[in-house]
């Protein structure tokens, strides 16, 4: 929800509690965006997100393993 603070350590604890998800499957980084780039048919433009990587205006958090 809007206005909620993202806590990378709390997210890491959530991932660790998932019995079917090992640490190798965890994301290394989490990008928190208010909106995602979309096409005219509302599909997410993933190639733009990949191209931006960590060089973006959105906050990016490293997830400790």
N, C-alpha and C. Protein backbone atom coordinates (compact mmCIF):
# COMPACT_ATOMS: atom_id res chain seq x y z
N UNK A 1 0.82 -1.21 0.00
CA UNK A 1 0.00 0.00 0.00
C UNK A 1 0.85 1.26 0.00
N UNK A 2 0.32 2.31 -0.56
CA UNK A 2 1.05 3.57 -0.63
C UNK A 2 1.33 4.09 0.77
N UNK A 3 2.52 4.62 0.96
CA UNK A 3 2.89 5.14 2.26
C UNK A 3 3.53 4.11 3.18
N UNK A 4 3.57 2.86 2.74
CA UNK A 4 4.18 1.80 3.54
C UNK A 4 5.67 1.79 3.27
N UNK A 5 6.46 1.72 4.32
CA UNK A 5 7.91 1.66 4.17
C UNK A 5 8.34 0.22 3.88
N UNK A 6 9.27 0.08 2.94
CA UNK A 6 9.81 -1.24 2.61
C UNK A 6 11.01 -1.50 3.51
N UNK A 7 11.02 -2.64 4.16
CA UNK A 7 12.12 -3.02 5.04
C UNK A 7 12.81 -4.25 4.44
N UNK A 8 14.03 -4.10 3.89
CA UNK A 8 14.70 -5.23 3.25
C UNK A 8 14.97 -6.39 4.20
N UNK A 9 15.25 -6.12 5.47
CA UNK A 9 15.51 -7.19 6.42
C UNK A 9 14.22 -7.96 6.71
N UNK A 10 13.12 -7.25 6.86
CA UNK A 10 11.83 -7.91 7.08
C UNK A 10 11.44 -8.75 5.86
N UNK A 11 11.71 -8.23 4.66
CA UNK A 11 11.43 -8.98 3.44
C UNK A 11 12.31 -10.23 3.38
N UNK A 12 13.58 -10.09 3.79
CA UNK A 12 14.48 -11.24 3.82
C UNK A 12 13.96 -12.30 4.79
N UNK A 13 13.47 -11.87 5.93
CA UNK A 13 12.90 -12.81 6.90
C UNK A 13 11.67 -13.52 6.32
N UNK A 14 10.87 -12.79 5.57
CA UNK A 14 9.72 -13.39 4.90
C UNK A 14 10.18 -14.46 3.91
N UNK A 15 11.20 -14.14 3.11
CA UNK A 15 11.73 -15.12 2.15
C UNK A 15 12.28 -16.34 2.86
N UNK A 16 12.98 -16.13 3.97
CA UNK A 16 13.57 -17.25 4.71
C UNK A 16 12.50 -18.17 5.29
N UNK A 17 11.32 -17.64 5.55
CA UNK A 17 10.23 -18.44 6.12
C UNK A 17 9.52 -19.30 5.08
N UNK A 18 9.82 -19.09 3.80
CA UNK A 18 9.18 -19.86 2.73
C UNK A 18 9.92 -21.18 2.57
N UNK A 19 9.29 -22.27 2.96
CA UNK A 19 9.93 -23.59 2.93
C UNK A 19 10.30 -24.03 1.51
N UNK A 20 9.56 -23.56 0.52
CA UNK A 20 9.79 -24.00 -0.86
C UNK A 20 10.68 -23.04 -1.65
N UNK A 21 11.34 -22.10 -0.97
CA UNK A 21 12.15 -21.09 -1.65
C UNK A 21 13.52 -21.00 -0.98
N UNK A 22 14.54 -21.51 -1.67
CA UNK A 22 15.89 -21.47 -1.12
C UNK A 22 16.55 -20.12 -1.35
N UNK A 23 17.61 -19.80 -0.60
CA UNK A 23 18.30 -18.51 -0.74
C UNK A 23 18.80 -18.22 -2.15
N UNK A 24 19.14 -19.26 -2.91
CA UNK A 24 19.60 -19.03 -4.28
C UNK A 24 18.49 -18.48 -5.17
N UNK A 25 17.25 -18.64 -4.76
CA UNK A 25 16.11 -18.17 -5.54
C UNK A 25 15.64 -16.78 -5.12
N UNK A 26 16.22 -16.22 -4.08
CA UNK A 26 15.82 -14.90 -3.61
C UNK A 26 16.31 -13.84 -4.58
N UNK A 27 15.58 -12.73 -4.69
CA UNK A 27 16.09 -11.63 -5.51
C UNK A 27 17.27 -10.97 -4.81
N UNK A 28 18.24 -10.52 -5.59
CA UNK A 28 19.38 -9.81 -5.01
C UNK A 28 19.00 -8.37 -4.69
N UNK A 29 18.10 -7.80 -5.49
CA UNK A 29 17.65 -6.42 -5.32
C UNK A 29 16.15 -6.35 -5.50
N UNK A 30 15.53 -5.39 -4.82
CA UNK A 30 14.10 -5.12 -5.00
C UNK A 30 13.95 -3.64 -5.32
N UNK A 31 13.27 -3.39 -6.41
CA UNK A 31 12.99 -2.01 -6.84
C UNK A 31 11.54 -1.69 -6.46
N UNK A 32 11.34 -0.60 -5.75
CA UNK A 32 10.00 -0.19 -5.33
C UNK A 32 9.56 0.96 -6.24
N UNK A 33 8.57 0.68 -7.09
CA UNK A 33 8.10 1.67 -8.06
C UNK A 33 6.63 1.98 -7.83
N UNK A 34 6.27 3.23 -8.06
CA UNK A 34 4.86 3.61 -7.94
C UNK A 34 4.07 3.18 -9.17
N UNK A 35 4.76 3.03 -10.30
CA UNK A 35 4.12 2.58 -11.53
C UNK A 35 5.16 1.88 -12.40
N UNK A 36 4.71 0.98 -13.24
CA UNK A 36 5.59 0.26 -14.16
C UNK A 36 5.30 0.70 -15.59
N UNK A 37 6.33 0.72 -16.45
CA UNK A 37 6.08 1.10 -17.85
C UNK A 37 5.21 0.05 -18.53
N UNK A 38 4.21 0.51 -19.27
CA UNK A 38 3.27 -0.41 -19.91
C UNK A 38 3.06 -0.05 -21.38
N UNK A 39 2.64 -1.06 -22.14
CA UNK A 39 2.29 -0.87 -23.55
C UNK A 39 0.85 -0.37 -23.64
N UNK A 40 0.38 -0.13 -24.87
CA UNK A 40 -1.00 0.30 -25.07
C UNK A 40 -1.99 -0.77 -24.64
N UNK A 41 -1.54 -2.03 -24.60
CA UNK A 41 -2.42 -3.14 -24.17
C UNK A 41 -2.15 -3.52 -22.71
N UNK A 42 -1.49 -2.63 -21.98
CA UNK A 42 -1.28 -2.75 -20.53
C UNK A 42 -0.32 -3.87 -20.12
N UNK A 43 0.50 -4.34 -21.04
CA UNK A 43 1.53 -5.31 -20.68
C UNK A 43 2.74 -4.55 -20.13
N UNK A 44 3.39 -5.11 -19.13
CA UNK A 44 4.58 -4.47 -18.55
C UNK A 44 5.74 -4.58 -19.53
N UNK A 45 6.44 -3.48 -19.74
CA UNK A 45 7.59 -3.45 -20.65
C UNK A 45 8.82 -3.88 -19.85
N UNK A 46 9.05 -5.19 -19.80
CA UNK A 46 10.13 -5.74 -18.97
C UNK A 46 11.50 -5.39 -19.50
N UNK A 47 11.63 -5.25 -20.82
CA UNK A 47 12.95 -4.93 -21.39
C UNK A 47 13.43 -3.56 -20.93
N UNK A 48 12.51 -2.62 -20.71
CA UNK A 48 12.90 -1.29 -20.21
C UNK A 48 13.37 -1.40 -18.77
N UNK A 49 12.67 -2.19 -17.97
CA UNK A 49 13.09 -2.39 -16.58
C UNK A 49 14.46 -3.04 -16.52
N UNK A 50 14.69 -4.03 -17.37
CA UNK A 50 15.99 -4.71 -17.41
C UNK A 50 17.09 -3.76 -17.84
N UNK A 51 16.80 -2.91 -18.82
CA UNK A 51 17.80 -1.97 -19.31
C UNK A 51 18.17 -0.94 -18.25
N UNK A 52 17.20 -0.50 -17.47
CA UNK A 52 17.47 0.48 -16.42
C UNK A 52 18.26 -0.14 -15.27
N UNK A 53 17.98 -1.39 -14.97
CA UNK A 53 18.64 -2.12 -13.87
C UNK A 53 18.63 -1.29 -12.59
N UNK A 54 19.79 -0.99 -12.05
CA UNK A 54 19.88 -0.22 -10.81
C UNK A 54 19.96 1.28 -11.05
N UNK A 55 20.09 1.69 -12.32
CA UNK A 55 20.21 3.10 -12.67
C UNK A 55 18.81 3.67 -12.94
N UNK A 56 18.07 3.93 -11.87
CA UNK A 56 16.70 4.42 -12.00
C UNK A 56 16.41 5.42 -10.88
N UNK A 57 15.27 6.11 -11.01
CA UNK A 57 14.88 7.09 -9.99
C UNK A 57 14.17 6.45 -8.80
N UNK A 58 13.71 5.21 -8.97
CA UNK A 58 13.01 4.51 -7.89
C UNK A 58 13.99 4.01 -6.84
N UNK A 59 13.54 3.87 -5.59
CA UNK A 59 14.42 3.29 -4.58
C UNK A 59 14.69 1.80 -4.86
N UNK A 60 15.93 1.40 -4.73
CA UNK A 60 16.35 0.01 -4.95
C UNK A 60 17.03 -0.47 -3.67
N UNK A 61 16.60 -1.64 -3.20
CA UNK A 61 17.13 -2.19 -1.96
C UNK A 61 17.86 -3.49 -2.23
N UNK A 62 19.03 -3.65 -1.63
CA UNK A 62 19.75 -4.92 -1.71
C UNK A 62 19.18 -5.84 -0.63
N UNK A 63 18.91 -7.08 -1.01
CA UNK A 63 18.35 -8.05 -0.07
C UNK A 63 19.49 -8.90 0.48
N UNK A 64 19.75 -8.79 1.79
CA UNK A 64 20.84 -9.59 2.38
C UNK A 64 20.50 -11.07 2.36
N UNK A 65 21.52 -11.89 2.14
CA UNK A 65 21.31 -13.35 2.11
C UNK A 65 21.86 -13.98 3.35
